[in-house]
Amino acid sequence: VPLPRGSVRADYPGTCPACFKDYDKGAVITKVGET
């Protein structure tokens, strides 16, 4: 599945700075502010 422009797959799990919910490794993420 092609990713939306400016998005990548997460190399490791993390937390979204906007909604404070966790995302898993391999989830589609994009730049939100600085992170």
Full PDB file with SEQRES, HELIX, SHEET, SSBOND, CRYST1, ORIGX, SCALE, CONECT and MASTER records, all heavy atoms in Angstrom:
SEQRES   1 A   35  VAL PRO LEU PRO ARG GLY SER VAL ARG ALA ASP TYR PRO          
SEQRES   2 A   35  GLY THR CYS PRO ALA CYS PHE LYS ASP TYR ASP LYS GLY          
SEQRES   3 A   35  ALA VAL ILE THR LYS VAL GLY GLU THR                          
SHEET    1 AA1 2 SER A   7  ARG A   9  0                                        
SHEET    2 AA1 2 VAL A  28  THR A  30 -1                                        
CRYST1    1.000    1.000    1.000  90.00  90.00  90.00 P 1           1          
ORIGX1      1.000000  0.000000  0.000000        0.00000                         
ORIGX2      0.000000  1.000000  0.000000        0.00000                         
ORIGX3      0.000000  0.000000  1.000000        0.00000                         
SCALE1      1.000000  0.000000  0.000000        0.00000                         
SCALE2      0.000000  1.000000  0.000000        0.00000                         
SCALE3      0.000000  0.000000  1.000000        0.00000                         
ATOM      1  N   VAL A   1       0.852  -1.189   0.000  1.00  0.00           N  
ATOM      2  CA  VAL A   1       0.000   0.000   0.000  1.00  0.00           C  
ATOM      3  C   VAL A   1       0.889   1.241   0.000  1.00  0.00           C  
ATOM      4  O   VAL A   1       1.748   1.386   0.865  1.00  0.00           O  
ATOM      5  CB  VAL A   1      -0.916   0.005   1.244  1.00  0.00           C  
ATOM      6  CG1 VAL A   1      -1.739   1.276   1.299  1.00  0.00           C  
ATOM      7  CG2 VAL A   1      -1.795  -1.218   1.251  1.00  0.00           C  
ATOM      8  N   PRO A   2       0.698   2.163  -0.964  1.00  0.00           N  
ATOM      9  CA  PRO A   2       1.531   3.370  -0.966  1.00  0.00           C  
ATOM     10  C   PRO A   2       1.151   4.284   0.194  1.00  0.00           C  
ATOM     11  O   PRO A   2      -0.013   4.385   0.574  1.00  0.00           O  
ATOM     12  CB  PRO A   2       1.204   4.020  -2.310  1.00  0.00           C  
ATOM     13  CG  PRO A   2      -0.118   3.479  -2.694  1.00  0.00           C  
ATOM     14  CD  PRO A   2      -0.211   2.108  -2.084  1.00  0.00           C  
ATOM     15  N   LEU A   3       2.161   4.938   0.765  1.00  0.00           N  
ATOM     16  CA  LEU A   3       1.940   5.844   1.890  1.00  0.00           C  
ATOM     17  C   LEU A   3       1.545   7.229   1.396  1.00  0.00           C  
ATOM     18  O   LEU A   3       1.935   7.634   0.304  1.00  0.00           O  
ATOM     19  CB  LEU A   3       3.227   5.962   2.711  1.00  0.00           C  
ATOM     20  CG  LEU A   3       3.721   4.697   3.390  1.00  0.00           C  
ATOM     21  CD1 LEU A   3       5.050   4.950   4.074  1.00  0.00           C  
ATOM     22  CD2 LEU A   3       2.713   4.212   4.391  1.00  0.00           C  
ATOM     23  N   PRO A   4       0.791   7.960   2.202  1.00  0.00           N  
ATOM     24  CA  PRO A   4       0.491   9.345   1.827  1.00  0.00           C  
ATOM     25  C   PRO A   4       1.774  10.168   1.772  1.00  0.00           C  
ATOM     26  O   PRO A   4       2.754   9.852   2.450  1.00  0.00           O  
ATOM     27  CB  PRO A   4      -0.406   9.833   2.966  1.00  0.00           C  
ATOM     28  CG  PRO A   4      -0.885   8.618   3.668  1.00  0.00           C  
ATOM     29  CD  PRO A   4       0.130   7.556   3.425  1.00  0.00           C  
ATOM     30  N   ARG A   5       1.754  11.236   0.999  1.00  0.00           N  
ATOM     31  CA  ARG A   5       2.935  12.076   0.838  1.00  0.00           C  
ATOM     32  C   ARG A   5       3.361  12.652   2.188  1.00  0.00           C  
ATOM     33  O   ARG A   5       2.553  13.149   2.955  1.00  0.00           O  
ATOM     34  CB  ARG A   5       2.614  13.199  -0.134  1.00  0.00           C  
ATOM     35  CG  ARG A   5       3.808  14.006  -0.522  1.00  0.00           C  
ATOM     36  CD  ARG A   5       3.392  15.058  -1.534  1.00  0.00           C  
ATOM     37  NE  ARG A   5       4.544  15.777  -1.992  1.00  0.00           N  
ATOM     38  CZ  ARG A   5       5.123  15.588  -3.157  1.00  0.00           C  
ATOM     39  NH1 ARG A   5       4.641  14.700  -3.980  1.00  0.00           N  
ATOM     40  NH2 ARG A   5       6.182  16.283  -3.507  1.00  0.00           N  
ATOM     41  N   GLY A   6       4.655  12.554   2.498  1.00  0.00           N  
ATOM     42  CA  GLY A   6       5.197  13.092   3.739  1.00  0.00           C  
ATOM     43  C   GLY A   6       5.072  12.146   4.914  1.00  0.00           C  
ATOM     44  O   GLY A   6       5.397  12.508   6.032  1.00  0.00           O  
ATOM     45  N   SER A   7       4.591  10.924   4.685  1.00  0.00           N  
ATOM     46  CA  SER A   7       4.429   9.954   5.764  1.00  0.00           C  
ATOM     47  C   SER A   7       5.462   8.849   5.641  1.00  0.00           C  
ATOM     48  O   SER A   7       5.975   8.576   4.558  1.00  0.00           O  
ATOM     49  CB  SER A   7       3.037   9.333   5.723  1.00  0.00           C  
ATOM     50  OG  SER A   7       2.061  10.312   5.909  1.00  0.00           O  
ATOM     51  N   VAL A   8       5.759   8.225   6.775  1.00  0.00           N  
ATOM     52  CA  VAL A   8       6.693   7.096   6.826  1.00  0.00           C  
ATOM     53  C   VAL A   8       6.128   6.050   7.777  1.00  0.00           C  
ATOM     54  O   VAL A   8       5.166   6.302   8.498  1.00  0.00           O  
ATOM     55  CB  VAL A   8       8.100   7.539   7.307  1.00  0.00           C  
ATOM     56  CG1 VAL A   8       8.754   8.484   6.324  1.00  0.00           C  
ATOM     57  CG2 VAL A   8       8.035   8.171   8.674  1.00  0.00           C  
ATOM     58  N   ARG A   9       6.741   4.889   7.784  1.00  0.00           N  
ATOM     59  CA  ARG A   9       6.387   3.859   8.758  1.00  0.00           C  
ATOM     60  C   ARG A   9       7.315   4.023   9.962  1.00  0.00           C  
ATOM     61  O   ARG A   9       8.511   4.269   9.816  1.00  0.00           O  
ATOM     62  CB  ARG A   9       6.559   2.471   8.162  1.00  0.00           C  
ATOM     63  CG  ARG A   9       5.575   2.235   7.042  1.00  0.00           C  
ATOM     64  CD  ARG A   9       5.047   0.821   7.066  1.00  0.00           C  
ATOM     65  NE  ARG A   9       4.101   0.628   5.984  1.00  0.00           N  
ATOM     66  CZ  ARG A   9       2.800   0.808   6.122  1.00  0.00           C  
ATOM     67  NH1 ARG A   9       2.309   1.160   7.265  1.00  0.00           N  
ATOM     68  NH2 ARG A   9       1.997   0.633   5.099  1.00  0.00           N  
ATOM     69  N   ALA A  10       6.757   3.893  11.153  1.00  0.00           N  
ATOM     70  CA  ALA A  10       7.522   4.083  12.381  1.00  0.00           C  
ATOM     71  C   ALA A  10       8.537   2.962  12.540  1.00  0.00           C  
ATOM     72  O   ALA A  10       8.207   1.790  12.404  1.00  0.00           O  
ATOM     73  CB  ALA A  10       6.579   4.117  13.571  1.00  0.00           C  
ATOM     74  N   ASP A  11       9.782   3.333  12.829  1.00  0.00           N  
ATOM     75  CA  ASP A  11      10.833   2.347  13.075  1.00  0.00           C  
ATOM     76  C   ASP A  11      10.728   1.775  14.482  1.00  0.00           C  
ATOM     77  O   ASP A  11      11.214   0.680  14.751  1.00  0.00           O  
ATOM     78  CB  ASP A  11      12.216   2.968  12.889  1.00  0.00           C  
ATOM     79  CG  ASP A  11      12.512   3.271  11.426  1.00  0.00           C  
ATOM     80  OD1 ASP A  11      11.907   2.624  10.557  1.00  0.00           O  
ATOM     81  OD2 ASP A  11      13.353   4.150  11.168  1.00  0.00           O  
ATOM     82  N   TYR A  12      10.113   2.523  15.377  1.00  0.00           N  
ATOM     83  CA  TYR A  12       9.943   2.063  16.752  1.00  0.00           C  
ATOM     84  C   TYR A  12       8.667   2.695  17.314  1.00  0.00           C  
ATOM     85  O   TYR A  12       8.191   3.702  16.801  1.00  0.00           O  
ATOM     86  CB  TYR A  12      11.149   2.433  17.620  1.00  0.00           C  
ATOM     87  CG  TYR A  12      11.578   3.862  17.461  1.00  0.00           C  
ATOM     88  CD1 TYR A  12      11.033   4.864  18.240  1.00  0.00           C  
ATOM     89  CD2 TYR A  12      12.537   4.217  16.509  1.00  0.00           C  
ATOM     90  CE1 TYR A  12      11.411   6.179  18.090  1.00  0.00           C  
ATOM     91  CE2 TYR A  12      12.927   5.537  16.349  1.00  0.00           C  
ATOM     92  CZ  TYR A  12      12.363   6.502  17.148  1.00  0.00           C  
ATOM     93  OH  TYR A  12      12.749   7.814  16.990  1.00  0.00           O  
ATOM     94  N   PRO A  13       8.095   2.116  18.365  1.00  0.00           N  
ATOM     95  CA  PRO A  13       6.862   2.663  18.920  1.00  0.00           C  
ATOM     96  C   PRO A  13       7.090   4.040  19.544  1.00  0.00           C  
ATOM     97  O   PRO A  13       8.197   4.375  19.946  1.00  0.00           O  
ATOM     98  CB  PRO A  13       6.444   1.644  19.971  1.00  0.00           C  
ATOM     99  CG  PRO A  13       7.556   0.695  20.123  1.00  0.00           C  
ATOM    100  CD  PRO A  13       8.524   0.904  19.010  1.00  0.00           C  
ATOM    101  N   GLY A  14       6.030   4.826  19.603  1.00  0.00           N  
ATOM    102  CA  GLY A  14       6.142   6.152  20.189  1.00  0.00           C  
ATOM    103  C   GLY A  14       4.782   6.683  20.586  1.00  0.00           C  
ATOM    104  O   GLY A  14       3.784   5.966  20.575  1.00  0.00           O  
ATOM    105  N   THR A  15       4.743   7.979  20.925  1.00  0.00           N  
ATOM    106  CA  THR A  15       3.515   8.632  21.342  1.00  0.00           C  
ATOM    107  C   THR A  15       3.277   9.858  20.477  1.00  0.00           C  
ATOM    108  O   THR A  15       4.198  10.640  20.240  1.00  0.00           O  
ATOM    109  CB  THR A  15       3.607   9.049  22.822  1.00  0.00           C  
ATOM    110  OG1 THR A  15       3.917   7.905  23.600  1.00  0.00           O  
ATOM    111  CG2 THR A  15       2.297   9.639  23.307  1.00  0.00           C  
ATOM    112  N   CYS A  16       2.065  10.041  20.023  1.00  0.00           N  
ATOM    113  CA  CYS A  16       1.696  11.202  19.214  1.00  0.00           C  
ATOM    114  C   CYS A  16       1.665  12.439  20.113  1.00  0.00           C  
ATOM    115  O   CYS A  16       1.046  12.409  21.175  1.00  0.00           O  
ATOM    116  CB  CYS A  16       0.333  10.972  18.573  1.00  0.00           C  
ATOM    117  SG  CYS A  16      -0.257  12.380  17.626  1.00  0.00           S  
ATOM    118  N   PRO A  17       2.330  13.535  19.715  1.00  0.00           N  
ATOM    119  CA  PRO A  17       2.346  14.727  20.564  1.00  0.00           C  
ATOM    120  C   PRO A  17       1.014  15.481  20.588  1.00  0.00           C  
ATOM    121  O   PRO A  17       0.773  16.270  21.492  1.00  0.00           O  
ATOM    122  CB  PRO A  17       3.435  15.586  19.932  1.00  0.00           C  
ATOM    123  CG  PRO A  17       3.451  15.177  18.506  1.00  0.00           C  
ATOM    124  CD  PRO A  17       3.111  13.709  18.501  1.00  0.00           C  
ATOM    125  N   ALA A  18       0.138  15.242  19.614  1.00  0.00           N  
ATOM    126  CA  ALA A  18      -1.123  15.975  19.553  1.00  0.00           C  
ATOM    127  C   ALA A  18      -2.214  15.316  20.398  1.00  0.00           C  
ATOM    128  O   ALA A  18      -2.913  15.986  21.150  1.00  0.00           O  
ATOM    129  CB  ALA A  18      -1.588  16.097  18.108  1.00  0.00           C  
ATOM    130  N   CYS A  19      -2.357  13.988  20.270  1.00  0.00           N  
ATOM    131  CA  CYS A  19      -3.445  13.305  20.982  1.00  0.00           C  
ATOM    132  C   CYS A  19      -2.940  12.461  22.157  1.00  0.00           C  
ATOM    133  O   CYS A  19      -3.739  11.885  22.891  1.00  0.00           O  
ATOM    134  CB  CYS A  19      -4.232  12.418  20.015  1.00  0.00           C  
ATOM    135  SG  CYS A  19      -3.284  11.059  19.321  1.00  0.00           S  
ATOM    136  N   PHE A  20      -1.630  12.350  22.324  1.00  0.00           N  
ATOM    137  CA  PHE A  20      -0.993  11.596  23.414  1.00  0.00           C  
ATOM    138  C   PHE A  20      -1.351  10.120  23.412  1.00  0.00           C  
ATOM    139  O   PHE A  20      -1.285   9.464  24.436  1.00  0.00           O  
ATOM    140  CB  PHE A  20      -1.308  12.222  24.781  1.00  0.00           C  
ATOM    141  CG  PHE A  20      -0.874  13.650  24.883  1.00  0.00           C  
ATOM    142  CD1 PHE A  20      -1.789  14.670  24.842  1.00  0.00           C  
ATOM    143  CD2 PHE A  20       0.473  13.958  24.990  1.00  0.00           C  
ATOM    144  CE1 PHE A  20      -1.392  15.993  24.920  1.00  0.00           C  
ATOM    145  CE2 PHE A  20       0.886  15.278  25.061  1.00  0.00           C  
ATOM    146  CZ  PHE A  20      -0.041  16.295  25.035  1.00  0.00           C  
ATOM    147  N   LYS A  21      -1.722   9.584  22.244  1.00  0.00           N  
ATOM    148  CA  LYS A  21      -1.980   8.147  22.120  1.00  0.00           C  
ATOM    149  C   LYS A  21      -0.738   7.487  21.540  1.00  0.00           C  
ATOM    150  O   LYS A  21       0.000   8.086  20.768  1.00  0.00           O  
ATOM    151  CB  LYS A  21      -3.180   7.883  21.208  1.00  0.00           C  
ATOM    152  CG  LYS A  21      -4.492   8.335  21.818  1.00  0.00           C  
ATOM    153  CD  LYS A  21      -5.650   7.985  20.915  1.00  0.00           C  
ATOM    154  CE  LYS A  21      -6.956   8.468  21.521  1.00  0.00           C  
ATOM    155  NZ  LYS A  21      -8.088   8.240  20.624  1.00  0.00           N  
ATOM    156  N   ASP A  22      -0.525   6.222  21.920  1.00  0.00           N  
ATOM    157  CA  ASP A  22       0.646   5.486  21.445  1.00  0.00           C  
ATOM    158  C   ASP A  22       0.427   4.971  20.036  1.00  0.00           C  
ATOM    159  O   ASP A  22      -0.703   4.713  19.628  1.00  0.00           O  
ATOM    160  CB  ASP A  22       0.937   4.299  22.369  1.00  0.00           C  
ATOM    161  CG  ASP A  22       1.333   4.752  23.772  1.00  0.00           C  
ATOM    162  OD1 ASP A  22       1.872   5.872  23.896  1.00  0.00           O  
ATOM    163  OD2 ASP A  22       1.103   3.984  24.719  1.00  0.00           O  
ATOM    164  N   TYR A  23       1.528   4.826  19.296  1.00  0.00           N  
ATOM    165  CA  TYR A  23       1.486   4.147  18.000  1.00  0.00           C  
ATOM    166  C   TYR A  23       2.553   3.059  18.010  1.00  0.00           C  
ATOM    167  O   TYR A  23       3.561   3.160  18.701  1.00  0.00           O  
ATOM    168  CB  TYR A  23       1.672   5.114  16.828  1.00  0.00           C  
ATOM    169  CG  TYR A  23       2.930   5.943  16.856  1.00  0.00           C  
ATOM    170  CD1 TYR A  23       4.137   5.443  16.379  1.00  0.00           C  
ATOM    171  CD2 TYR A  23       2.912   7.241  17.343  1.00  0.00           C  
ATOM    172  CE1 TYR A  23       5.284   6.215  16.402  1.00  0.00           C  
ATOM    173  CE2 TYR A  23       4.052   8.016  17.364  1.00  0.00           C  
ATOM    174  CZ  TYR A  23       5.238   7.498  16.891  1.00  0.00           C  
ATOM    175  OH  TYR A  23       6.377   8.247  16.910  1.00  0.00           O  
ATOM    176  N   ASP A  24       2.279   1.975  17.278  1.00  0.00           N  
ATOM    177  CA  ASP A  24       3.160   0.810  17.255  1.00  0.00           C  
ATOM    178  C   ASP A  24       4.241   0.952  16.206  1.00  0.00           C  
ATOM    179  O   ASP A  24       4.164   1.812  15.323  1.00  0.00           O  
ATOM    180  CB  ASP A  24       2.342  -0.457  16.955  1.00  0.00           C  
ATOM    181  CG  ASP A  24       1.325  -0.745  18.040  1.00  0.00           C  
ATOM    182  OD1 ASP A  24       1.593  -0.401  19.212  1.00  0.00           O  
ATOM    183  OD2 ASP A  24       0.261  -1.316  17.715  1.00  0.00           O  
ATOM    184  N   LYS A  25       5.210   0.068  16.284  1.00  0.00           N  
ATOM    185  CA  LYS A  25       6.234  -0.009  15.253  1.00  0.00           C  
ATOM    186  C   LYS A  25       5.563  -0.424  13.948  1.00  0.00           C  
ATOM    187  O   LYS A  25       4.731  -1.315  13.923  1.00  0.00           O  
ATOM    188  CB  LYS A  25       7.283  -1.050  15.646  1.00  0.00           C  
ATOM    189  CG  LYS A  25       8.363  -1.241  14.617  1.00  0.00           C  
ATOM    190  CD  LYS A  25       9.357  -2.301  15.048  1.00  0.00           C  
ATOM    191  CE  LYS A  25      10.379  -2.512  13.960  1.00  0.00           C  
ATOM    192  NZ  LYS A  25      11.345  -3.550  14.320  1.00  0.00           N  
ATOM    193  N   GLY A  26       5.877   0.286  12.851  1.00  0.00           N  
ATOM    194  CA  GLY A  26       5.295  -0.024  11.554  1.00  0.00           C  
ATOM    195  C   GLY A  26       4.044   0.781  11.241  1.00  0.00           C  
ATOM    196  O   GLY A  26       3.532   0.703  10.132  1.00  0.00           O  
ATOM    197  N   ALA A  27       3.555   1.574  12.210  1.00  0.00           N  
ATOM    198  CA  ALA A  27       2.376   2.403  11.961  1.00  0.00           C  
ATOM    199  C   ALA A  27       2.759   3.576  11.062  1.00  0.00           C  
ATOM    200  O   ALA A  27       3.905   4.017  11.051  1.00  0.00           O  
ATOM    201  CB  ALA A  27       1.810   2.925  13.277  1.00  0.00           C  
ATOM    202  N   VAL A  28       1.800   4.083  10.301  1.00  0.00           N  
ATOM    203  CA  VAL A  28       2.041   5.228   9.423  1.00  0.00           C  
ATOM    204  C   VAL A  28       2.050   6.488  10.284  1.00  0.00           C  
ATOM    205  O   VAL A  28       1.107   6.744  11.038  1.00  0.00           O  
ATOM    206  CB  VAL A  28       0.955   5.325   8.334  1.00  0.00           C  
ATOM    207  CG1 VAL A  28       1.173   6.552   7.470  1.00  0.00           C  
ATOM    208  CG2 VAL A  28       0.953   4.080   7.479  1.00  0.00           C  
ATOM    209  N   ILE A  29       3.135   7.269  10.198  1.00  0.00           N  
ATOM    210  CA  ILE A  29       3.252   8.508  10.960  1.00  0.00           C  
ATOM    211  C   ILE A  29       3.706   9.636  10.047  1.00  0.00           C  
ATOM    212  O   ILE A  29       4.231   9.386   8.955  1.00  0.00           O  
ATOM    213  CB  ILE A  29       4.227   8.363  12.152  1.00  0.00           C  
ATOM    214  CG1 ILE A  29       5.608   7.900  11.685  1.00  0.00           C  
ATOM    215  CG2 ILE A  29       3.665   7.434  13.206  1.00  0.00           C  
ATOM    216  CD1 ILE A  29       6.666   7.879  12.766  1.00  0.00           C  
ATOM    217  N   THR A  30       3.504  10.871  10.485  1.00  0.00           N  
ATOM    218  CA  THR A  30       3.908  12.042   9.725  1.00  0.00           C  
ATOM    219  C   THR A  30       4.370  13.115  10.700  1.00  0.00           C  
ATOM    220  O   THR A  30       4.160  12.995  11.911  1.00  0.00           O  
ATOM    221  CB  THR A  30       2.754  12.542   8.837  1.00  0.00           C  
ATOM    222  OG1 THR A  30       3.248  13.535   7.968  1.00  0.00           O  
ATOM    223  CG2 THR A  30       1.623  13.110   9.659  1.00  0.00           C  
ATOM    224  N   LYS A  31       4.984  14.191  10.189  1.00  0.00           N  
ATOM    225  CA  LYS A  31       5.467  15.269  11.044  1.00  0.00           C  
ATOM    226  C   LYS A  31       4.289  16.007  11.668  1.00  0.00           C  
ATOM    227  O   LYS A  31       3.378  16.434  10.979  1.00  0.00           O  
ATOM    228  CB  LYS A  31       6.263  16.279  10.224  1.00  0.00           C  
ATOM    229  CG  LYS A  31       7.759  16.049  10.176  1.00  0.00           C  
ATOM    230  CD  LYS A  31       8.389  16.129  11.507  1.00  0.00           C  
ATOM    231  CE  LYS A  31       9.818  16.620  11.404  1.00  0.00           C  
ATOM    232  NZ  LYS A  31      10.538  16.405  12.623  1.00  0.00           N  
ATOM    233  N   VAL A  32       4.313  16.157  12.973  1.00  0.00           N  
ATOM    234  CA  VAL A  32       3.326  16.943  13.711  1.00  0.00           C  
ATOM    235  C   VAL A  32       4.127  17.933  14.544  1.00  0.00           C  
ATOM    236  O   VAL A  32       4.657  17.576  15.590  1.00  0.00           O  
ATOM    237  CB  VAL A  32       2.440  16.060  14.606  1.00  0.00           C  
ATOM    238  CG1 VAL A  32       1.450  16.906  15.392  1.00  0.00           C  
ATOM    239  CG2 VAL A  32       1.726  15.009  13.804  1.00  0.00           C  
ATOM    240  N   GLY A  33       4.240  19.142  14.053  1.00  0.00           N  
ATOM    241  CA  GLY A  33       5.080  20.133  14.742  1.00  0.00           C  
ATOM    242  C   GLY A  33       6.542  19.752  14.612  1.00  0.00           C  
ATOM    243  O   GLY A  33       7.065  19.570  13.516  1.00  0.00           O  
ATOM    244  N   GLU A  34       7.208  19.613  15.748  1.00  0.00           N  
ATOM    245  CA  GLU A  34       8.638  19.273  15.770  1.00  0.00           C  
ATOM    246  C   GLU A  34       8.878  17.764  15.735  1.00  0.00           C  
ATOM    247  O   GLU A  34       9.964  17.321  15.389  1.00  0.00           O  
ATOM    248  CB  GLU A  34       9.286  19.847  17.036  1.00  0.00           C  
ATOM    249  CG  GLU A  34       9.243  21.352  17.120  1.00  0.00           C  
ATOM    250  CD  GLU A  34      10.322  22.004  16.288  1.00  0.00           C  
ATOM    251  OE1 GLU A  34      11.442  21.463  16.242  1.00  0.00           O  
ATOM    252  OE2 GLU A  34      10.035  23.037  15.677  1.00  0.00           O  
ATOM    253  N   THR A  35       7.882  16.964  16.163  1.00  0.00           N  
ATOM    254  CA  THR A  35       8.073  15.514  16.261  1.00  0.00           C  
ATOM    255  C   THR A  35       7.136  14.779  15.317  1.00  0.00           C  
ATOM    256  O   THR A  35       6.532  15.380  14.440  1.00  0.00           O  
ATOM    257  CB  THR A  35       7.820  15.046  17.716  1.00  0.00           C  
ATOM    258  OG1 THR A  35       6.485  15.393  18.071  1.00  0.00           O  
ATOM    259  CG2 THR A  35       8.787  15.715  18.682  1.00  0.00           C  
TER     260      THR A  35                                                      
MASTER        0    0    0    0    2    0    0    6  259    1    0    3          
END                                                                             
